[in-house]
Amino acid sequence: MNAEFENKVALITGAGSGIGRAMAIAFAQQGAKVVVADLDTENAEKTTAEIGEAAIGLSVDISDEAAVDRLVAQSLDAFGRIDVLCNNAGIMDDMALPADTSTDMWDRVLRVNLSGTFLVTRAVLPQMLTQGAGAIVNTASEAGIRGGAAGVAYTASKHGVIGLTKNVAWAYAKEGIRCNAILPGPTLTGIAGPTPNFDPAGSARLQPVLALPASLAEPHQMASVAVFLASEAASFVNGAIVPVDAAWSAA
């Protein structure tokens, strides 16, 4: 185990599986205490058990403001500080084109992916401001810089996460708080669920872009970049939007 994050605390949302789970394990391996936050209590407990006594698992719906406030309060009660926030929790849309996207789908995806990221960030900022330091790493997406990598709801939400990232970085740079985002390419996460129900017309229209990647990434390949962005090695990196996609965004 390295000690890059010894005596520091990382709060990671969506840490029950996929990229979030890999982030939780990676930060723990670097010496951090870890708050494993996830909507799925069972998955949160599995990740927590895998890490051991350096982690606590907490259930949270990040789209619920009161639940987010409880999450942060419980994290501070347990560990006394929050040094790193990884806003990783998110959901996929159904790949529908704008004219075919329901209001319910739009509201749900934006509420989780964008508003949820904002709510957790806002709840953690007062503690980081008190400490005079903090690192925030948001999980955006290739869909945040493209128009044809997902449906309209997911695409809009991830564009919003990038805007949120840049604004937080600009607003709090002088207070010692950094905020960056990773843009994962196709990664083995299961975000679409075990039986995806994608809109046929939208999926067909998106195929030219979705077919570009040559391979799927493993979650740990995303986690290692998040750890770097939160580390002292990236102390002068703030407001960066970092594609982690094996050159997909370069195509």
C-alpha atoms as a PDB file:
ATOM      1  CA  MET A   1       0.000   0.000   0.000  1.00  0.00           C
ATOM      2  CA  ASN A   2       1.210   3.498  -0.855  1.00  0.00           C
ATOM      3  CA  ALA A   3       0.562   6.379   1.544  1.00  0.00           C
ATOM      4  CA  GLU A   4      -0.368   9.185  -0.859  1.00  0.00           C
ATOM      5  CA  PHE A   5      -3.731   9.633   0.874  1.00  0.00           C
ATOM      6  CA  GLU A   6      -2.831   8.589   4.417  1.00  0.00           C
ATOM      7  CA  ASN A   7      -4.923  10.508   6.973  1.00  0.00           C
ATOM      8  CA  LYS A   8      -7.249  11.656   4.186  1.00  0.00           C
ATOM      9  CA  VAL A   9     -10.855  10.744   3.473  1.00  0.00           C
ATOM     10  CA  ALA A  10     -12.416  10.062   0.083  1.00  0.00           C
ATOM     11  CA  LEU A  11     -16.181  10.147  -0.457  1.00  0.00           C
ATOM     12  CA  ILE A  12     -17.159   8.271  -3.593  1.00  0.00           C
ATOM     13  CA  THR A  13     -20.674   8.044  -4.979  1.00  0.00           C
ATOM     14  CA  GLY A  14     -21.791   5.115  -7.073  1.00  0.00           C
ATOM     15  CA  ALA A  15     -19.066   3.111  -5.315  1.00  0.00           C
ATOM     16  CA  GLY A  16     -21.004  -0.118  -5.136  1.00  0.00           C
ATOM     17  CA  SER A  17     -19.996  -1.233  -8.601  1.00  0.00           C
ATOM     18  CA  GLY A  18     -18.127  -0.368 -11.785  1.00  0.00           C
ATOM     19  CA  ILE A  19     -15.890   2.687 -11.877  1.00  0.00           C
ATOM     20  CA  GLY A  20     -16.968   3.839  -8.409  1.00  0.00           C
ATOM     21  CA  ARG A  21     -16.037   0.514  -6.843  1.00  0.00           C
ATOM     22  CA  ALA A  22     -12.659   0.650  -8.565  1.00  0.00           C
ATOM     23  CA  MET A  23     -12.150   4.196  -7.283  1.00  0.00           C
ATOM     24  CA  ALA A  24     -12.973   3.183  -3.710  1.00  0.00           C
ATOM     25  CA  ILE A  25     -10.492   0.317  -3.811  1.00  0.00           C
ATOM     26  CA  ALA A  26      -7.801   2.466  -5.454  1.00  0.00           C
ATOM     27  CA  PHE A  27      -8.051   5.259  -2.885  1.00  0.00           C
ATOM     28  CA  ALA A  28      -8.005   2.725  -0.038  1.00  0.00           C
ATOM     29  CA  GLN A  29      -4.873   1.167  -1.511  1.00  0.00           C
ATOM     30  CA  GLN A  30      -3.322   4.632  -1.368  1.00  0.00           C
ATOM     31  CA  GLY A  31      -4.037   4.890   2.346  1.00  0.00           C
ATOM     32  CA  ALA A  32      -7.331   6.799   2.355  1.00  0.00           C
ATOM     33  CA  LYS A  33     -10.339   6.199   4.521  1.00  0.00           C
ATOM     34  CA  VAL A  34     -13.236   5.703   2.113  1.00  0.00           C
ATOM     35  CA  VAL A  35     -16.948   6.461   2.252  1.00  0.00           C
ATOM     36  CA  VAL A  36     -18.602   3.986  -0.102  1.00  0.00           C
ATOM     37  CA  ALA A  37     -21.871   5.669  -1.116  1.00  0.00           C
ATOM     38  CA  ASP A  38     -24.387   3.965  -3.371  1.00  0.00           C
ATOM     39  CA  LEU A  39     -28.128   3.729  -3.936  1.00  0.00           C
ATOM     40  CA  ASP A  40     -27.801  -0.058  -3.771  1.00  0.00           C
ATOM     41  CA  THR A  41     -27.120  -0.859  -0.115  1.00  0.00           C
ATOM     42  CA  GLU A  42     -26.060  -4.428  -0.824  1.00  0.00           C
ATOM     43  CA  ASN A  43     -23.467  -3.363  -3.371  1.00  0.00           C
ATOM     44  CA  ALA A  44     -22.164  -0.659  -1.048  1.00  0.00           C
ATOM     45  CA  GLU A  45     -21.731  -3.267   1.677  1.00  0.00           C
ATOM     46  CA  LYS A  46     -19.867  -5.606  -0.703  1.00  0.00           C
ATOM     47  CA  THR A  47     -17.370  -2.901  -1.670  1.00  0.00           C
ATOM     48  CA  THR A  48     -16.975  -1.899   1.973  1.00  0.00           C
ATOM     49  CA  ALA A  49     -16.286  -5.495   2.994  1.00  0.00           C
ATOM     50  CA  GLU A  50     -13.735  -5.815   0.212  1.00  0.00           C
ATOM     51  CA  ILE A  51     -11.834  -2.780   1.511  1.00  0.00           C
ATOM     52  CA  GLY A  52     -12.139  -3.593   5.203  1.00  0.00           C
ATOM     53  CA  GLU A  53     -12.142  -1.374   8.262  1.00  0.00           C
ATOM     54  CA  ALA A  54     -10.835   1.639   6.349  1.00  0.00           C
ATOM     55  CA  ALA A  55     -14.249   2.027   4.698  1.00  0.00           C
ATOM     56  CA  ILE A  56     -17.850   2.648   5.648  1.00  0.00           C
ATOM     57  CA  GLY A  57     -20.803   1.970   3.375  1.00  0.00           C
ATOM     58  CA  LEU A  58     -23.703   4.388   3.193  1.00  0.00           C
ATOM     59  CA  SER A  59     -26.889   4.224   1.154  1.00  0.00           C
ATOM     60  CA  VAL A  60     -27.849   7.416  -0.669  1.00  0.00           C
ATOM     61  CA  ASP A  61     -30.069   8.665  -3.462  1.00  0.00           C
ATOM     62  CA  ILE A  62     -28.017  11.582  -4.740  1.00  0.00           C
ATOM     63  CA  SER A  63     -31.074  13.122  -6.389  1.00  0.00           C
ATOM     64  CA  ASP A  64     -32.578  13.633  -2.901  1.00  0.00           C
ATOM     65  CA  GLU A  65     -31.216  16.785  -1.245  1.00  0.00           C
ATOM     66  CA  ALA A  66     -32.014  15.650   2.301  1.00  0.00           C
ATOM     67  CA  ALA A  67     -30.393  12.260   1.681  1.00  0.00           C
ATOM     68  CA  VAL A  68     -27.260  13.963   0.377  1.00  0.00           C
ATOM     69  CA  ASP A  69     -27.062  16.190   3.439  1.00  0.00           C
ATOM     70  CA  ARG A  70     -27.352  13.084   5.653  1.00  0.00           C
ATOM     71  CA  LEU A  71     -24.616  11.359   3.655  1.00  0.00           C
ATOM     72  CA  VAL A  72     -22.171  14.201   4.222  1.00  0.00           C
ATOM     73  CA  ALA A  73     -23.101  14.523   7.900  1.00  0.00           C
ATOM     74  CA  GLN A  74     -22.622  10.772   8.427  1.00  0.00           C
ATOM     75  CA  SER A  75     -19.286  10.885   6.605  1.00  0.00           C
ATOM     76  CA  LEU A  76     -18.052  13.690   8.839  1.00  0.00           C
ATOM     77  CA  ASP A  77     -19.335  11.929  11.945  1.00  0.00           C
ATOM     78  CA  ALA A  78     -17.372   8.833  10.959  1.00  0.00           C
ATOM     79  CA  PHE A  79     -14.102  10.356   9.786  1.00  0.00           C
ATOM     80  CA  GLY A  80     -14.124  14.054  10.695  1.00  0.00           C
ATOM     81  CA  ARG A  81     -13.156  15.395   7.300  1.00  0.00           C
ATOM     82  CA  ILE A  82     -13.598  14.967   3.534  1.00  0.00           C
ATOM     83  CA  ASP A  83     -10.520  15.547   1.404  1.00  0.00           C
ATOM     84  CA  VAL A  84     -11.593  13.973  -1.864  1.00  0.00           C
ATOM     85  CA  LEU A  85     -15.005  13.804  -3.509  1.00  0.00           C
ATOM     86  CA  CYS A  86     -15.543  11.572  -6.509  1.00  0.00           C
ATOM     87  CA  ASN A  87     -18.929  12.330  -8.051  1.00  0.00           C
ATOM     88  CA  ASN A  88     -19.263   9.081  -9.935  1.00  0.00           C
ATOM     89  CA  ALA A  89     -22.901   7.999  -9.509  1.00  0.00           C
ATOM     90  CA  GLY A  90     -24.968   8.204 -12.661  1.00  0.00           C
ATOM     91  CA  ILE A  91     -27.564   6.518 -14.814  1.00  0.00           C
ATOM     92  CA  MET A  92     -27.961   5.918 -18.531  1.00  0.00           C
ATOM     93  CA  ASP A  93     -30.860   7.038 -20.683  1.00  0.00           C
ATOM     94  CA  ASP A  94     -32.606   4.866 -23.286  1.00  0.00           C
ATOM     95  CA  MET A  95     -30.615   6.256 -26.247  1.00  0.00           C
ATOM     96  CA  ALA A  96     -33.743   7.955 -27.584  1.00  0.00           C
ATOM     97  CA  LEU A  97     -33.503  10.887 -29.975  1.00  0.00           C
ATOM     98  CA  PRO A  98     -34.922  14.241 -28.792  1.00  0.00           C
ATOM     99  CA  ALA A  99     -38.361  13.869 -30.364  1.00  0.00           C
ATOM    100  CA  ASP A 100     -38.767  10.436 -28.784  1.00  0.00           C
ATOM    101  CA  THR A 101     -37.533  11.227 -25.259  1.00  0.00           C
ATOM    102  CA  SER A 102     -40.159  11.224 -22.552  1.00  0.00           C
ATOM    103  CA  THR A 103     -40.338  13.959 -19.946  1.00  0.00           C
ATOM    104  CA  ASP A 104     -39.932  11.310 -17.236  1.00  0.00           C
ATOM    105  CA  MET A 105     -36.699  10.043 -18.792  1.00  0.00           C
ATOM    106  CA  TRP A 106     -35.334  13.571 -19.226  1.00  0.00           C
ATOM    107  CA  ASP A 107     -36.167  14.549 -15.643  1.00  0.00           C
ATOM    108  CA  ARG A 108     -34.794  11.350 -14.109  1.00  0.00           C
ATOM    109  CA  VAL A 109     -31.465  11.417 -15.934  1.00  0.00           C
ATOM    110  CA  LEU A 110     -30.857  15.123 -15.381  1.00  0.00           C
ATOM    111  CA  ARG A 111     -31.874  14.839 -11.725  1.00  0.00           C
ATOM    112  CA  VAL A 112     -29.370  12.077 -11.014  1.00  0.00           C
ATOM    113  CA  ASN A 113     -26.469  12.863 -13.326  1.00  0.00           C
ATOM    114  CA  LEU A 114     -26.396  16.650 -13.105  1.00  0.00           C
ATOM    115  CA  SER A 115     -28.459  17.791 -10.130  1.00  0.00           C
ATOM    116  CA  GLY A 116     -27.140  14.923  -8.013  1.00  0.00           C
ATOM    117  CA  THR A 117     -23.554  15.850  -8.810  1.00  0.00           C
ATOM    118  CA  PHE A 118     -24.330  19.449  -7.888  1.00  0.00           C
ATOM    119  CA  LEU A 119     -26.070  18.510  -4.633  1.00  0.00           C
ATOM    120  CA  VAL A 120     -23.201  16.370  -3.377  1.00  0.00           C
ATOM    121  CA  THR A 121     -20.637  18.977  -4.414  1.00  0.00           C
ATOM    122  CA  ARG A 122     -22.549  21.760  -2.670  1.00  0.00           C
ATOM    123  CA  ALA A 123     -22.902  19.693   0.495  1.00  0.00           C
ATOM    124  CA  VAL A 124     -19.176  18.892   0.664  1.00  0.00           C
ATOM    125  CA  LEU A 125     -17.833  22.351  -0.205  1.00  0.00           C
ATOM    126  CA  PRO A 126     -18.320  23.957   3.238  1.00  0.00           C
ATOM    127  CA  GLN A 127     -16.087  21.297   4.829  1.00  0.00           C
ATOM    128  CA  MET A 128     -13.434  21.677   2.138  1.00  0.00           C
ATOM    129  CA  LEU A 129     -13.551  25.467   2.528  1.00  0.00           C
ATOM    130  CA  THR A 130     -13.056  25.092   6.276  1.00  0.00           C
ATOM    131  CA  GLN A 131     -10.073  22.820   5.640  1.00  0.00           C
ATOM    132  CA  GLY A 132      -8.691  25.168   3.000  1.00  0.00           C
ATOM    133  CA  ALA A 133      -8.171  22.258   0.626  1.00  0.00           C
ATOM    134  CA  GLY A 134     -10.020  19.603  -1.317  1.00  0.00           C
ATOM    135  CA  ALA A 135     -10.052  17.700  -4.584  1.00  0.00           C
ATOM    136  CA  ILE A 136     -13.200  16.932  -6.542  1.00  0.00           C
ATOM    137  CA  VAL A 137     -13.204  14.497  -9.450  1.00  0.00           C
ATOM    138  CA  ASN A 138     -16.387  14.262 -11.506  1.00  0.00           C
ATOM    139  CA  THR A 139     -17.198  11.383 -13.811  1.00  0.00           C
ATOM    140  CA  ALA A 140     -18.464  12.989 -16.989  1.00  0.00           C
ATOM    141  CA  SER A 141     -18.488  11.049 -20.265  1.00  0.00           C
ATOM    142  CA  GLU A 142     -17.515  11.086 -23.903  1.00  0.00           C
ATOM    143  CA  ALA A 143     -21.155  12.123 -24.331  1.00  0.00           C
ATOM    144  CA  GLY A 144     -20.192  15.365 -22.603  1.00  0.00           C
ATOM    145  CA  ILE A 145     -18.139  16.446 -25.610  1.00  0.00           C
ATOM    146  CA  ARG A 146     -20.076  14.703 -28.379  1.00  0.00           C
ATOM    147  CA  GLY A 147     -23.587  14.924 -29.712  1.00  0.00           C
ATOM    148  CA  GLY A 148     -23.881  11.349 -30.905  1.00  0.00           C
ATOM    149  CA  ALA A 149     -22.599   9.100 -28.107  1.00  0.00           C
ATOM    150  CA  ALA A 150     -25.858   8.678 -26.174  1.00  0.00           C
ATOM    151  CA  GLY A 151     -29.461   9.819 -26.043  1.00  0.00           C
ATOM    152  CA  VAL A 152     -30.369  13.463 -25.543  1.00  0.00           C
ATOM    153  CA  ALA A 153     -30.930  13.247 -21.782  1.00  0.00           C
ATOM    154  CA  TYR A 154     -27.610  11.604 -20.980  1.00  0.00           C
ATOM    155  CA  THR A 155     -25.776  13.846 -23.438  1.00  0.00           C
ATOM    156  CA  ALA A 156     -27.233  17.004 -21.938  1.00  0.00           C
ATOM    157  CA  SER A 157     -26.534  15.832 -18.386  1.00  0.00           C
ATOM    158  CA  LYS A 158     -22.880  15.112 -19.064  1.00  0.00           C
ATOM    159  CA  HIS A 159     -22.374  18.396 -20.913  1.00  0.00           C
ATOM    160  CA  GLY A 160     -23.790  19.956 -17.752  1.00  0.00           C
ATOM    161  CA  VAL A 161     -21.335  18.055 -15.536  1.00  0.00           C
ATOM    162  CA  ILE A 162     -18.474  19.507 -17.563  1.00  0.00           C
ATOM    163  CA  GLY A 163     -19.849  23.023 -17.095  1.00  0.00           C
ATOM    164  CA  LEU A 164     -20.289  22.400 -13.381  1.00  0.00           C
ATOM    165  CA  THR A 165     -16.712  21.124 -13.150  1.00  0.00           C
ATOM    166  CA  LYS A 166     -15.272  24.224 -14.756  1.00  0.00           C
ATOM    167  CA  ASN A 167     -17.359  26.614 -12.685  1.00  0.00           C
ATOM    168  CA  VAL A 168     -16.436  24.969  -9.374  1.00  0.00           C
ATOM    169  CA  ALA A 169     -12.763  24.968 -10.372  1.00  0.00           C
ATOM    170  CA  TRP A 170     -12.883  28.669 -11.255  1.00  0.00           C
ATOM    171  CA  ALA A 171     -14.934  29.667  -8.216  1.00  0.00           C
ATOM    172  CA  TYR A 172     -12.774  28.009  -5.550  1.00  0.00           C
ATOM    173  CA  ALA A 173      -9.247  27.866  -6.968  1.00  0.00           C
ATOM    174  CA  LYS A 174      -8.034  30.548  -4.545  1.00  0.00           C
ATOM    175  CA  GLU A 175      -9.467  28.555  -1.627  1.00  0.00           C
ATOM    176  CA  GLY A 176      -7.317  25.518  -2.397  1.00  0.00           C
ATOM    177  CA  ILE A 177     -10.098  23.429  -3.937  1.00  0.00           C
ATOM    178  CA  ARG A 178      -9.537  21.732  -7.259  1.00  0.00           C
ATOM    179  CA  CYS A 179     -12.244  20.250  -9.488  1.00  0.00           C
ATOM    180  CA  ASN A 180     -11.556  18.136 -12.549  1.00  0.00           C
ATOM    181  CA  ALA A 181     -13.476  15.608 -14.612  1.00  0.00           C
ATOM    182  CA  ILE A 182     -12.704  12.360 -16.364  1.00  0.00           C
ATOM    183  CA  LEU A 183     -14.466  11.398 -19.572  1.00  0.00           C
ATOM    184  CA  PRO A 184     -14.575   7.614 -19.710  1.00  0.00           C
ATOM    185  CA  GLY A 185     -14.804   5.930 -23.029  1.00  0.00           C
ATOM    186  CA  PRO A 186     -16.699   2.637 -23.257  1.00  0.00           C
ATOM    187  CA  THR A 187     -16.040   0.865 -19.953  1.00  0.00           C
ATOM    188  CA  LEU A 188     -17.215  -2.418 -18.461  1.00  0.00           C
ATOM    189  CA  THR A 189     -19.511  -0.981 -15.799  1.00  0.00           C
ATOM    190  CA  GLY A 190     -23.028  -2.302 -16.394  1.00  0.00           C
ATOM    191  CA  ILE A 191     -24.466   1.221 -16.172  1.00  0.00           C
ATOM    192  CA  ALA A 192     -27.247   0.276 -18.579  1.00  0.00           C
ATOM    193  CA  GLY A 193     -28.383  -2.571 -16.341  1.00  0.00           C
ATOM    194  CA  PRO A 194     -28.543  -6.315 -17.017  1.00  0.00           C
ATOM    195  CA  THR A 195     -31.181  -5.994 -19.755  1.00  0.00           C
ATOM    196  CA  PRO A 196     -30.826  -2.626 -21.516  1.00  0.00           C
ATOM    197  CA  ASN A 197     -33.981  -1.376 -23.197  1.00  0.00           C
ATOM    198  CA  PHE A 198     -32.588   1.032 -25.758  1.00  0.00           C
ATOM    199  CA  ASP A 199     -34.723   2.909 -28.250  1.00  0.00           C
ATOM    200  CA  PRO A 200     -34.171   1.159 -31.615  1.00  0.00           C
ATOM    201  CA  ALA A 201     -34.224   4.318 -33.754  1.00  0.00           C
ATOM    202  CA  GLY A 202     -31.901   6.193 -31.451  1.00  0.00           C
ATOM    203  CA  SER A 203     -29.483   3.295 -31.132  1.00  0.00           C
ATOM    204  CA  ALA A 204     -29.333   2.898 -34.902  1.00  0.00           C
ATOM    205  CA  ARG A 205     -28.704   6.626 -35.401  1.00  0.00           C
ATOM    206  CA  LEU A 206     -25.866   6.580 -32.846  1.00  0.00           C
ATOM    207  CA  GLN A 207     -24.060   3.545 -34.256  1.00  0.00           C
ATOM    208  CA  PRO A 208     -21.503   5.461 -36.382  1.00  0.00           C
ATOM    209  CA  VAL A 209     -20.098   7.079 -33.230  1.00  0.00           C
ATOM    210  CA  LEU A 210     -20.580   4.127 -30.889  1.00  0.00           C
ATOM    211  CA  ALA A 211     -18.736   1.850 -33.314  1.00  0.00           C
ATOM    212  CA  LEU A 212     -15.542   3.938 -33.174  1.00  0.00           C
ATOM    213  CA  PRO A 213     -13.906   2.479 -30.037  1.00  0.00           C
ATOM    214  CA  ALA A 214     -11.711  -0.541 -30.613  1.00  0.00           C
ATOM    215  CA  SER A 215     -12.078  -2.016 -27.150  1.00  0.00           C
ATOM    216  CA  LEU A 216     -13.686  -1.709 -23.730  1.00  0.00           C
ATOM    217  CA  ALA A 217     -11.778  -0.318 -20.761  1.00  0.00           C
ATOM    218  CA  GLU A 218     -11.665  -1.865 -17.310  1.00  0.00           C
ATOM    219  CA  PRO A 219     -12.954   0.247 -14.397  1.00  0.00           C
ATOM    220  CA  HIS A 220      -9.525   0.341 -12.736  1.00  0.00           C
ATOM    221  CA  GLN A 221      -8.183   2.231 -15.752  1.00  0.00           C
ATOM    222  CA  MET A 222     -10.608   5.052 -14.962  1.00  0.00           C
ATOM    223  CA  ALA A 223      -9.921   4.873 -11.232  1.00  0.00           C
ATOM    224  CA  SER A 224      -6.186   5.350 -11.646  1.00  0.00           C
ATOM    225  CA  VAL A 225      -6.759   8.648 -13.453  1.00  0.00           C
ATOM    226  CA  ALA A 226      -9.140   9.816 -10.721  1.00  0.00           C
ATOM    227  CA  VAL A 227      -6.517   9.025  -8.088  1.00  0.00           C
ATOM    228  CA  PHE A 228      -3.933  11.017 -10.026  1.00  0.00           C
ATOM    229  CA  LEU A 229      -6.235  14.029 -10.381  1.00  0.00           C
ATOM    230  CA  ALA A 230      -6.879  14.021  -6.629  1.00  0.00           C
ATOM    231  CA  SER A 231      -3.205  13.630  -5.765  1.00  0.00           C
ATOM    232  CA  GLU A 232      -0.440  16.151  -5.068  1.00  0.00           C
ATOM    233  CA  ALA A 233       1.092  15.191  -8.396  1.00  0.00           C
ATOM    234  CA  ALA A 234      -1.845  17.043 -10.009  1.00  0.00           C
ATOM    235  CA  SER A 235      -1.727  20.018  -7.622  1.00  0.00           C
ATOM    236  CA  PHE A 236      -1.677  22.495 -10.528  1.00  0.00           C
ATOM    237  CA  VAL A 237      -4.401  20.717 -12.511  1.00  0.00           C
ATOM    238  CA  ASN A 238      -7.736  22.442 -12.029  1.00  0.00           C
ATOM    239  CA  GLY A 239     -10.742  22.663 -14.325  1.00  0.00           C
ATOM    240  CA  ALA A 240      -9.353  19.970 -16.612  1.00  0.00           C
ATOM    241  CA  ILE A 241     -11.590  17.718 -18.677  1.00  0.00           C
ATOM    242  CA  VAL A 242      -9.630  14.522 -19.225  1.00  0.00           C
ATOM    243  CA  PRO A 243     -10.719  11.950 -21.830  1.00  0.00           C
ATOM    244  CA  VAL A 244      -9.816   8.414 -20.781  1.00  0.00           C
ATOM    245  CA  ASP A 245     -10.798   6.704 -23.985  1.00  0.00           C
ATOM    246  CA  ALA A 246      -7.865   5.227 -25.913  1.00  0.00           C
ATOM    247  CA  ALA A 247      -8.056   8.092 -28.454  1.00  0.00           C
ATOM    248  CA  TRP A 248     -11.791   7.834 -29.142  1.00  0.00           C
ATOM    249  CA  SER A 249     -12.153  11.593 -28.685  1.00  0.00           C
ATOM    250  CA  ALA A 250      -9.242  12.134 -31.064  1.00  0.00           C
ATOM    251  CA  ALA A 251     -11.059  10.450 -33.952  1.00  0.00           C
END
